């Protein structure tokens, strides 16, 4: 959510439509068809239901205006194209207005496995499906409101809450652990790793604990937090998130469970 990006944004025309090349549509097709196969038996039913509601095309990049029409009817949200990275104030402000900021570019074929910033595949496939669910939509809205009230120091901890829920959240179900976080569901490698590797620690979700947990963005996660129900997010949306941050700060952060990244000279 910083301001400098290595990627070039796409901008909508006067009708709100973005024009992509045939190659860009082909990349989307390859990404979504691969990922739809990978998440079977791994994504939670709420995520799969959201995909069914959105009916994302498998042959071309969807338009944000079409996704927004569906979300508005379901939860009052819309998707809004933005440059690859935006500032924290704009990010929180958009969420507080039920506008989900979605990067408009799509990755190149050299970055099919991993890219440094979220692209439209990550934003739409990874996140839009869950925004059809009222509990998730309400939490994301409350998160945006809290972010506008938070100090710069508070936002560092608040980012962790987003990371361990919206991006890398997992869910206990009657069929076992499943994925709902967009960062996992849009990643071919992490979708398998998160459920099947014996390396990461999977902890029962507690907002204070999540706020105390550091993370790295450039590795598979070493810690995941598991909800027992998506209604846990509905309840969290009604808590004092700033108050939770203050409590977490008093307790101090947990030791990093990953190698600290060395700073370049």
C-alpha atoms as a PDB file:
ATOM      1  CA  UNK A   1       0.000   0.000   0.000  1.00  0.00           C
ATOM      2  CA  UNK A   2       2.940   2.307  -0.530  1.00  0.00           C
ATOM      3  CA  UNK A   3       3.133   4.639  -3.502  1.00  0.00           C
ATOM      4  CA  UNK A   4       6.026   3.369  -5.620  1.00  0.00           C
ATOM      5  CA  UNK A   5       5.344   0.498  -7.998  1.00  0.00           C
ATOM      6  CA  UNK A   6       7.290  -1.323 -10.689  1.00  0.00           C
ATOM      7  CA  UNK A   7       4.067  -2.158 -12.529  1.00  0.00           C
ATOM      8  CA  UNK A   8       2.088  -0.029 -14.969  1.00  0.00           C
ATOM      9  CA  UNK A   9      -1.562   0.576 -14.166  1.00  0.00           C
ATOM     10  CA  UNK A  10      -4.403   0.278 -16.649  1.00  0.00           C
ATOM     11  CA  UNK A  11      -6.989   3.063 -16.670  1.00  0.00           C
ATOM     12  CA  UNK A  12     -10.719   2.805 -17.423  1.00  0.00           C
ATOM     13  CA  UNK A  13     -12.239   4.636 -20.377  1.00  0.00           C
ATOM     14  CA  UNK A  14     -15.216   7.017 -20.137  1.00  0.00           C
ATOM     15  CA  UNK A  15     -17.522   3.992 -19.716  1.00  0.00           C
ATOM     16  CA  UNK A  16     -15.494   2.525 -16.883  1.00  0.00           C
ATOM     17  CA  UNK A  17     -14.049  -0.239 -19.055  1.00  0.00           C
ATOM     18  CA  UNK A  18     -10.384  -1.262 -19.198  1.00  0.00           C
ATOM     19  CA  UNK A  19      -9.001  -2.503 -22.479  1.00  0.00           C
ATOM     20  CA  UNK A  20      -6.630  -5.455 -22.185  1.00  0.00           C
ATOM     21  CA  UNK A  21      -4.572  -7.133 -24.874  1.00  0.00           C
ATOM     22  CA  UNK A  22      -5.202 -10.650 -26.143  1.00  0.00           C
ATOM     23  CA  UNK A  23      -2.052 -11.791 -24.339  1.00  0.00           C
ATOM     24  CA  UNK A  24      -3.275 -10.302 -21.057  1.00  0.00           C
ATOM     25  CA  UNK A  25      -6.606 -12.105 -21.446  1.00  0.00           C
ATOM     26  CA  UNK A  26      -4.676 -15.302 -22.156  1.00  0.00           C
ATOM     27  CA  UNK A  27      -2.660 -14.889 -18.948  1.00  0.00           C
ATOM     28  CA  UNK A  28      -5.893 -14.484 -16.971  1.00  0.00           C
ATOM     29  CA  UNK A  29      -7.297 -17.619 -18.582  1.00  0.00           C
ATOM     30  CA  UNK A  30      -4.225 -19.645 -17.670  1.00  0.00           C
ATOM     31  CA  UNK A  31      -4.204 -18.312 -14.110  1.00  0.00           C
ATOM     32  CA  UNK A  32      -7.855 -18.889 -13.317  1.00  0.00           C
ATOM     33  CA  UNK A  33      -8.127 -22.319 -14.906  1.00  0.00           C
ATOM     34  CA  UNK A  34      -5.046 -23.496 -13.011  1.00  0.00           C
ATOM     35  CA  UNK A  35      -6.223 -22.025  -9.721  1.00  0.00           C
ATOM     36  CA  UNK A  36      -9.775 -23.349  -9.967  1.00  0.00           C
ATOM     37  CA  UNK A  37      -8.321 -26.843 -10.056  1.00  0.00           C
ATOM     38  CA  UNK A  38      -5.884 -26.233  -7.193  1.00  0.00           C
ATOM     39  CA  UNK A  39      -8.449 -24.834  -4.735  1.00  0.00           C
ATOM     40  CA  UNK A  40     -10.892 -27.721  -5.079  1.00  0.00           C
ATOM     41  CA  UNK A  41     -10.969 -29.413  -1.677  1.00  0.00           C
ATOM     42  CA  UNK A  42      -8.831 -26.586  -0.263  1.00  0.00           C
ATOM     43  CA  UNK A  43     -10.930 -23.412  -0.418  1.00  0.00           C
ATOM     44  CA  UNK A  44     -13.807 -23.035   2.033  1.00  0.00           C
ATOM     45  CA  UNK A  45     -17.365 -23.383   0.759  1.00  0.00           C
ATOM     46  CA  UNK A  46     -18.026 -19.670   1.305  1.00  0.00           C
ATOM     47  CA  UNK A  47     -15.235 -18.831  -1.123  1.00  0.00           C
ATOM     48  CA  UNK A  48     -16.474 -21.346  -3.686  1.00  0.00           C
ATOM     49  CA  UNK A  49     -20.015 -20.030  -3.310  1.00  0.00           C
ATOM     50  CA  UNK A  50     -18.703 -16.513  -3.914  1.00  0.00           C
ATOM     51  CA  UNK A  51     -17.020 -17.607  -7.118  1.00  0.00           C
ATOM     52  CA  UNK A  52     -20.283 -19.157  -8.258  1.00  0.00           C
ATOM     53  CA  UNK A  53     -22.127 -15.912  -7.520  1.00  0.00           C
ATOM     54  CA  UNK A  54     -19.587 -13.825  -9.425  1.00  0.00           C
ATOM     55  CA  UNK A  55     -19.365 -16.279 -12.336  1.00  0.00           C
ATOM     56  CA  UNK A  56     -15.881 -15.084 -13.239  1.00  0.00           C
ATOM     57  CA  UNK A  57     -15.014 -15.695 -16.897  1.00  0.00           C
ATOM     58  CA  UNK A  58     -12.340 -18.254 -17.639  1.00  0.00           C
ATOM     59  CA  UNK A  59     -11.412 -16.817 -21.043  1.00  0.00           C
ATOM     60  CA  UNK A  60     -10.894 -13.097 -20.393  1.00  0.00           C
ATOM     61  CA  UNK A  61     -10.286 -10.547 -17.647  1.00  0.00           C
ATOM     62  CA  UNK A  62     -13.576  -9.416 -16.086  1.00  0.00           C
ATOM     63  CA  UNK A  63     -14.496  -5.755 -15.870  1.00  0.00           C
ATOM     64  CA  UNK A  64     -14.731  -4.166 -12.430  1.00  0.00           C
ATOM     65  CA  UNK A  65     -18.069  -2.575 -13.318  1.00  0.00           C
ATOM     66  CA  UNK A  66     -19.592  -6.027 -13.861  1.00  0.00           C
ATOM     67  CA  UNK A  67     -18.197  -7.396 -10.587  1.00  0.00           C
ATOM     68  CA  UNK A  68     -19.438  -4.280  -8.791  1.00  0.00           C
ATOM     69  CA  UNK A  69     -23.027  -4.747  -9.978  1.00  0.00           C
ATOM     70  CA  UNK A  70     -23.125  -8.157  -8.318  1.00  0.00           C
ATOM     71  CA  UNK A  71     -21.404  -7.052  -5.113  1.00  0.00           C
ATOM     72  CA  UNK A  72     -23.679  -4.025  -4.740  1.00  0.00           C
ATOM     73  CA  UNK A  73     -26.706  -6.296  -4.777  1.00  0.00           C
ATOM     74  CA  UNK A  74     -25.192  -8.711  -2.265  1.00  0.00           C
ATOM     75  CA  UNK A  75     -23.314  -6.573   0.277  1.00  0.00           C
ATOM     76  CA  UNK A  76     -23.244  -2.963  -0.954  1.00  0.00           C
ATOM     77  CA  UNK A  77     -19.628  -3.142  -2.117  1.00  0.00           C
ATOM     78  CA  UNK A  78     -18.008  -2.276  -5.411  1.00  0.00           C
ATOM     79  CA  UNK A  79     -14.599  -2.867  -6.935  1.00  0.00           C
ATOM     80  CA  UNK A  80     -12.659   0.188  -8.022  1.00  0.00           C
ATOM     81  CA  UNK A  81      -9.568   0.040 -10.262  1.00  0.00           C
ATOM     82  CA  UNK A  82      -6.515   1.758  -8.788  1.00  0.00           C
ATOM     83  CA  UNK A  83      -2.800   1.989  -9.593  1.00  0.00           C
ATOM     84  CA  UNK A  84      -0.785  -0.990  -8.393  1.00  0.00           C
ATOM     85  CA  UNK A  85      -0.096   0.573  -4.981  1.00  0.00           C
ATOM     86  CA  UNK A  86      -1.931   3.315  -3.119  1.00  0.00           C
ATOM     87  CA  UNK A  87      -1.271   5.138   0.131  1.00  0.00           C
ATOM     88  CA  UNK A  88      -2.643   3.956   3.467  1.00  0.00           C
ATOM     89  CA  UNK A  89      -5.028   6.897   3.821  1.00  0.00           C
ATOM     90  CA  UNK A  90      -6.607   6.235   0.443  1.00  0.00           C
ATOM     91  CA  UNK A  91      -6.714   2.492   1.091  1.00  0.00           C
ATOM     92  CA  UNK A  92      -8.515   2.810   4.415  1.00  0.00           C
ATOM     93  CA  UNK A  93     -10.790   5.541   3.056  1.00  0.00           C
ATOM     94  CA  UNK A  94     -11.944   3.355   0.195  1.00  0.00           C
ATOM     95  CA  UNK A  95     -12.663   0.393   2.460  1.00  0.00           C
ATOM     96  CA  UNK A  96     -14.599   2.677   4.807  1.00  0.00           C
ATOM     97  CA  UNK A  97     -16.785   3.594   1.818  1.00  0.00           C
ATOM     98  CA  UNK A  98     -17.221  -0.050   0.768  1.00  0.00           C
ATOM     99  CA  UNK A  99     -15.022   0.442  -2.279  1.00  0.00           C
ATOM    100  CA  UNK A 100     -12.475  -2.329  -2.731  1.00  0.00           C
ATOM    101  CA  UNK A 101      -9.283  -1.027  -4.378  1.00  0.00           C
ATOM    102  CA  UNK A 102      -8.198  -3.417  -7.115  1.00  0.00           C
ATOM    103  CA  UNK A 103      -4.943  -3.091  -9.013  1.00  0.00           C
ATOM    104  CA  UNK A 104      -5.800  -2.934 -12.712  1.00  0.00           C
ATOM    105  CA  UNK A 105      -2.700  -4.521 -14.263  1.00  0.00           C
ATOM    106  CA  UNK A 106      -2.136  -8.246 -14.759  1.00  0.00           C
ATOM    107  CA  UNK A 107       1.176  -9.988 -14.214  1.00  0.00           C
ATOM    108  CA  UNK A 108       3.493 -11.054 -17.017  1.00  0.00           C
ATOM    109  CA  UNK A 109       4.179 -14.666 -17.933  1.00  0.00           C
ATOM    110  CA  UNK A 110       7.514 -14.459 -16.140  1.00  0.00           C
ATOM    111  CA  UNK A 111       5.641 -13.957 -12.846  1.00  0.00           C
ATOM    112  CA  UNK A 112       2.959 -16.614 -13.061  1.00  0.00           C
ATOM    113  CA  UNK A 113       4.039 -18.182  -9.761  1.00  0.00           C
ATOM    114  CA  UNK A 114       4.743 -15.053  -7.728  1.00  0.00           C
ATOM    115  CA  UNK A 115       4.753 -11.300  -8.193  1.00  0.00           C
ATOM    116  CA  UNK A 116       5.859  -8.541  -5.852  1.00  0.00           C
ATOM    117  CA  UNK A 117       2.563  -6.621  -5.820  1.00  0.00           C
ATOM    118  CA  UNK A 118      -1.087  -7.670  -6.115  1.00  0.00           C
ATOM    119  CA  UNK A 119      -2.503  -7.697  -9.653  1.00  0.00           C
ATOM    120  CA  UNK A 120      -6.074  -7.919 -10.891  1.00  0.00           C
ATOM    121  CA  UNK A 121      -6.071 -11.709 -10.664  1.00  0.00           C
ATOM    122  CA  UNK A 122      -5.146 -11.564  -6.989  1.00  0.00           C
ATOM    123  CA  UNK A 123      -7.694  -8.809  -6.323  1.00  0.00           C
ATOM    124  CA  UNK A 124     -10.674 -10.232  -8.204  1.00  0.00           C
ATOM    125  CA  UNK A 125     -10.162 -13.991  -7.890  1.00  0.00           C
ATOM    126  CA  UNK A 126      -8.607 -13.807  -4.435  1.00  0.00           C
ATOM    127  CA  UNK A 127     -10.798 -11.205  -2.739  1.00  0.00           C
ATOM    128  CA  UNK A 128     -14.006 -10.380  -4.589  1.00  0.00           C
ATOM    129  CA  UNK A 129     -15.565 -13.785  -3.935  1.00  0.00           C
ATOM    130  CA  UNK A 130     -15.453 -13.292  -0.164  1.00  0.00           C
ATOM    131  CA  UNK A 131     -16.979  -9.821  -0.476  1.00  0.00           C
ATOM    132  CA  UNK A 132     -20.235 -11.550  -1.436  1.00  0.00           C
ATOM    133  CA  UNK A 133     -20.400 -12.805   2.179  1.00  0.00           C
ATOM    134  CA  UNK A 134     -21.948 -10.268   4.618  1.00  0.00           C
ATOM    135  CA  UNK A 135     -19.713 -11.223   7.576  1.00  0.00           C
ATOM    136  CA  UNK A 136     -16.549 -10.758   5.540  1.00  0.00           C
ATOM    137  CA  UNK A 137     -17.850  -7.593   3.875  1.00  0.00           C
ATOM    138  CA  UNK A 138     -18.806  -6.059   7.231  1.00  0.00           C
ATOM    139  CA  UNK A 139     -15.416  -6.829   8.745  1.00  0.00           C
ATOM    140  CA  UNK A 140     -13.574  -5.286   5.790  1.00  0.00           C
ATOM    141  CA  UNK A 141     -15.738  -2.167   6.117  1.00  0.00           C
ATOM    142  CA  UNK A 142     -15.072  -1.918   9.867  1.00  0.00           C
ATOM    143  CA  UNK A 143     -11.362  -2.412   9.198  1.00  0.00           C
ATOM    144  CA  UNK A 144     -11.340   0.567   6.865  1.00  0.00           C
ATOM    145  CA  UNK A 145     -13.084   2.765   9.423  1.00  0.00           C
ATOM    146  CA  UNK A 146     -10.587   1.707  12.107  1.00  0.00           C
ATOM    147  CA  UNK A 147      -7.700   2.457   9.767  1.00  0.00           C
ATOM    148  CA  UNK A 148      -8.861   6.039   9.303  1.00  0.00           C
ATOM    149  CA  UNK A 149      -8.863   6.512  13.079  1.00  0.00           C
ATOM    150  CA  UNK A 150      -5.542   4.772  13.658  1.00  0.00           C
ATOM    151  CA  UNK A 151      -2.232   6.522  14.194  1.00  0.00           C
ATOM    152  CA  UNK A 152       0.738   5.717  11.987  1.00  0.00           C
ATOM    153  CA  UNK A 153       2.082   3.369  14.669  1.00  0.00           C
ATOM    154  CA  UNK A 154      -1.328   1.726  15.109  1.00  0.00           C
ATOM    155  CA  UNK A 155      -1.542   1.023  11.372  1.00  0.00           C
ATOM    156  CA  UNK A 156       1.544  -1.173  11.539  1.00  0.00           C
ATOM    157  CA  UNK A 157      -0.279  -3.524  13.902  1.00  0.00           C
ATOM    158  CA  UNK A 158      -3.591  -3.112  12.106  1.00  0.00           C
ATOM    159  CA  UNK A 159      -1.933  -4.364   8.921  1.00  0.00           C
ATOM    160  CA  UNK A 160      -1.265  -7.646  10.717  1.00  0.00           C
ATOM    161  CA  UNK A 161      -4.953  -8.140  11.378  1.00  0.00           C
ATOM    162  CA  UNK A 162      -5.692  -7.728   7.660  1.00  0.00           C
ATOM    163  CA  UNK A 163      -2.807 -10.008   6.770  1.00  0.00           C
ATOM    164  CA  UNK A 164      -3.923 -12.904   8.959  1.00  0.00           C
ATOM    165  CA  UNK A 165      -7.595 -12.638   7.971  1.00  0.00           C
ATOM    166  CA  UNK A 166      -8.331 -11.082   4.580  1.00  0.00           C
ATOM    167  CA  UNK A 167      -5.056 -12.158   2.983  1.00  0.00           C
ATOM    168  CA  UNK A 168      -3.983 -15.363   4.729  1.00  0.00           C
ATOM    169  CA  UNK A 169      -6.947 -16.448   6.807  1.00  0.00           C
ATOM    170  CA  UNK A 170      -8.009 -20.084   7.170  1.00  0.00           C
ATOM    171  CA  UNK A 171     -11.137 -21.717   8.537  1.00  0.00           C
ATOM    172  CA  UNK A 172     -11.952 -24.796  10.592  1.00  0.00           C
ATOM    173  CA  UNK A 173     -14.834 -26.680   8.970  1.00  0.00           C
ATOM    174  CA  UNK A 174     -16.573 -30.022   9.449  1.00  0.00           C
ATOM    175  CA  UNK A 175     -14.530 -31.239   6.474  1.00  0.00           C
ATOM    176  CA  UNK A 176     -11.216 -30.043   7.892  1.00  0.00           C
ATOM    177  CA  UNK A 177      -9.199 -26.862   7.534  1.00  0.00           C
ATOM    178  CA  UNK A 178     -10.036 -24.761   4.494  1.00  0.00           C
ATOM    179  CA  UNK A 179      -8.767 -21.490   2.986  1.00  0.00           C
ATOM    180  CA  UNK A 180     -10.630 -18.196   2.733  1.00  0.00           C
ATOM    181  CA  UNK A 181      -7.779 -15.644   2.525  1.00  0.00           C
ATOM    182  CA  UNK A 182      -7.185 -14.124  -0.899  1.00  0.00           C
ATOM    183  CA  UNK A 183      -3.418 -14.303  -0.614  1.00  0.00           C
ATOM    184  CA  UNK A 184      -3.608 -18.087  -0.334  1.00  0.00           C
ATOM    185  CA  UNK A 185      -6.517 -18.774  -2.666  1.00  0.00           C
ATOM    186  CA  UNK A 186      -4.840 -16.858  -5.492  1.00  0.00           C
ATOM    187  CA  UNK A 187      -1.437 -18.524  -5.010  1.00  0.00           C
ATOM    188  CA  UNK A 188      -0.800 -21.947  -6.578  1.00  0.00           C
ATOM    189  CA  UNK A 189       2.098 -22.692  -4.248  1.00  0.00           C
ATOM    190  CA  UNK A 190       0.730 -21.370  -0.985  1.00  0.00           C
ATOM    191  CA  UNK A 191      -2.700 -22.940  -1.427  1.00  0.00           C
ATOM    192  CA  UNK A 192      -1.007 -26.336  -1.231  1.00  0.00           C
ATOM    193  CA  UNK A 193       1.652 -25.372   1.315  1.00  0.00           C
ATOM    194  CA  UNK A 194      -0.787 -23.774   3.766  1.00  0.00           C
ATOM    195  CA  UNK A 195      -2.774 -26.976   4.156  1.00  0.00           C
ATOM    196  CA  UNK A 196      -0.284 -29.743   3.492  1.00  0.00           C
ATOM    197  CA  UNK A 197       3.126 -28.594   4.710  1.00  0.00           C
ATOM    198  CA  UNK A 198       4.270 -29.525   8.221  1.00  0.00           C
ATOM    199  CA  UNK A 199       6.370 -26.342   8.421  1.00  0.00           C
ATOM    200  CA  UNK A 200       3.857 -23.608   9.336  1.00  0.00           C
ATOM    201  CA  UNK A 201       2.097 -23.289  12.670  1.00  0.00           C
ATOM    202  CA  UNK A 202      -1.695 -23.167  12.517  1.00  0.00           C
ATOM    203  CA  UNK A 203      -3.178 -21.309  15.464  1.00  0.00           C
ATOM    204  CA  UNK A 204      -6.751 -20.739  16.568  1.00  0.00           C
ATOM    205  CA  UNK A 205      -7.661 -17.184  15.673  1.00  0.00           C
ATOM    206  CA  UNK A 206      -7.423 -14.581  18.384  1.00  0.00           C
ATOM    207  CA  UNK A 207      -7.307 -10.923  17.323  1.00  0.00           C
ATOM    208  CA  UNK A 208      -4.846  -9.911  20.041  1.00  0.00           C
ATOM    209  CA  UNK A 209      -2.502 -12.734  19.073  1.00  0.00           C
ATOM    210  CA  UNK A 210      -2.748 -11.840  15.383  1.00  0.00           C
ATOM    211  CA  UNK A 211      -1.913  -8.215  16.171  1.00  0.00           C
ATOM    212  CA  UNK A 212       1.191  -9.395  18.013  1.00  0.00           C
ATOM    213  CA  UNK A 213       2.436 -11.635  15.198  1.00  0.00           C
ATOM    214  CA  UNK A 214       5.046 -10.291  12.737  1.00  0.00           C
ATOM    215  CA  UNK A 215       5.096 -11.554   9.160  1.00  0.00           C
ATOM    216  CA  UNK A 216       7.040 -11.320   5.922  1.00  0.00           C
ATOM    217  CA  UNK A 217       5.422 -10.657   2.573  1.00  0.00           C
ATOM    218  CA  UNK A 218       8.011 -12.409   0.398  1.00  0.00           C
ATOM    219  CA  UNK A 219       7.860 -15.966   1.776  1.00  0.00           C
ATOM    220  CA  UNK A 220       5.274 -18.638   2.405  1.00  0.00           C
ATOM    221  CA  UNK A 221       3.815 -17.875   5.801  1.00  0.00           C
ATOM    222  CA  UNK A 222       5.135 -19.549   8.923  1.00  0.00           C
ATOM    223  CA  UNK A 223       1.961 -18.863  10.931  1.00  0.00           C
ATOM    224  CA  UNK A 224      -1.702 -19.061   9.938  1.00  0.00           C
ATOM    225  CA  UNK A 225      -4.726 -18.184  12.063  1.00  0.00           C
ATOM    226  CA  UNK A 226      -7.853 -20.327  11.838  1.00  0.00           C
ATOM    227  CA  UNK A 227     -11.388 -19.070  12.391  1.00  0.00           C
ATOM    228  CA  UNK A 228     -13.989 -21.482  13.717  1.00  0.00           C
ATOM    229  CA  UNK A 229     -16.727 -19.730  11.774  1.00  0.00           C
ATOM    230  CA  UNK A 230     -16.966 -16.845   9.337  1.00  0.00           C
ATOM    231  CA  UNK A 231     -19.256 -15.280  11.936  1.00  0.00           C
ATOM    232  CA  UNK A 232     -16.078 -14.726  13.977  1.00  0.00           C
ATOM    233  CA  UNK A 233     -15.326 -11.901  11.523  1.00  0.00           C
ATOM    234  CA  UNK A 234     -18.853 -10.556  11.945  1.00  0.00           C
ATOM    235  CA  UNK A 235     -18.225 -10.373  15.700  1.00  0.00           C
ATOM    236  CA  UNK A 236     -14.771  -8.850  15.194  1.00  0.00           C
ATOM    237  CA  UNK A 237     -16.272  -6.098  13.040  1.00  0.00           C
ATOM    238  CA  UNK A 238     -18.210  -4.940  16.076  1.00  0.00           C
ATOM    239  CA  UNK A 239     -15.251  -4.753  18.435  1.00  0.00           C
ATOM    240  CA  UNK A 240     -13.091  -1.738  19.186  1.00  0.00           C
ATOM    241  CA  UNK A 241     -10.182  -2.505  16.876  1.00  0.00           C
ATOM    242  CA  UNK A 242      -8.132   0.443  18.104  1.00  0.00           C
ATOM    243  CA  UNK A 243      -8.624  -0.762  21.660  1.00  0.00           C
ATOM    244  CA  UNK A 244      -7.419  -4.225  20.640  1.00  0.00           C
ATOM    245  CA  UNK A 245      -4.305  -2.653  19.127  1.00  0.00           C
ATOM    246  CA  UNK A 246      -3.533  -0.836  22.356  1.00  0.00           C
ATOM    247  CA  UNK A 247      -3.914  -4.049  24.342  1.00  0.00           C
ATOM    248  CA  UNK A 248      -1.659  -5.939  21.918  1.00  0.00           C
ATOM    249  CA  UNK A 249       1.007  -3.235  22.126  1.00  0.00           C
ATOM    250  CA  UNK A 250       1.085  -3.509  25.925  1.00  0.00           C
ATOM    251  CA  UNK A 251       1.687  -7.252  25.672  1.00  0.00           C
ATOM    252  CA  UNK A 252       4.411  -6.854  23.047  1.00  0.00           C
ATOM    253  CA  UNK A 253       4.920  -8.717  19.802  1.00  0.00           C
ATOM    254  CA  UNK A 254       5.770 -12.385  19.509  1.00  0.00           C
ATOM    255  CA  UNK A 255       9.275 -13.393  18.365  1.00  0.00           C
ATOM    256  CA  UNK A 256       9.535 -13.756  14.600  1.00  0.00           C
ATOM    257  CA  UNK A 257       9.096 -17.358  13.461  1.00  0.00           C
ATOM    258  CA  UNK A 258      10.980 -16.759  10.226  1.00  0.00           C
ATOM    259  CA  UNK A 259      14.501 -15.648   9.285  1.00  0.00           C
ATOM    260  CA  UNK A 260      14.850 -11.869   9.498  1.00  0.00           C
ATOM    261  CA  UNK A 261      15.423 -10.466   6.031  1.00  0.00           C
ATOM    262  CA  UNK A 262      18.859  -8.932   5.682  1.00  0.00           C
ATOM    263  CA  UNK A 263      18.899  -5.315   4.608  1.00  0.00           C
ATOM    264  CA  UNK A 264      20.758  -4.588   1.401  1.00  0.00           C
ATOM    265  CA  UNK A 265      23.830  -2.402   1.727  1.00  0.00           C
END
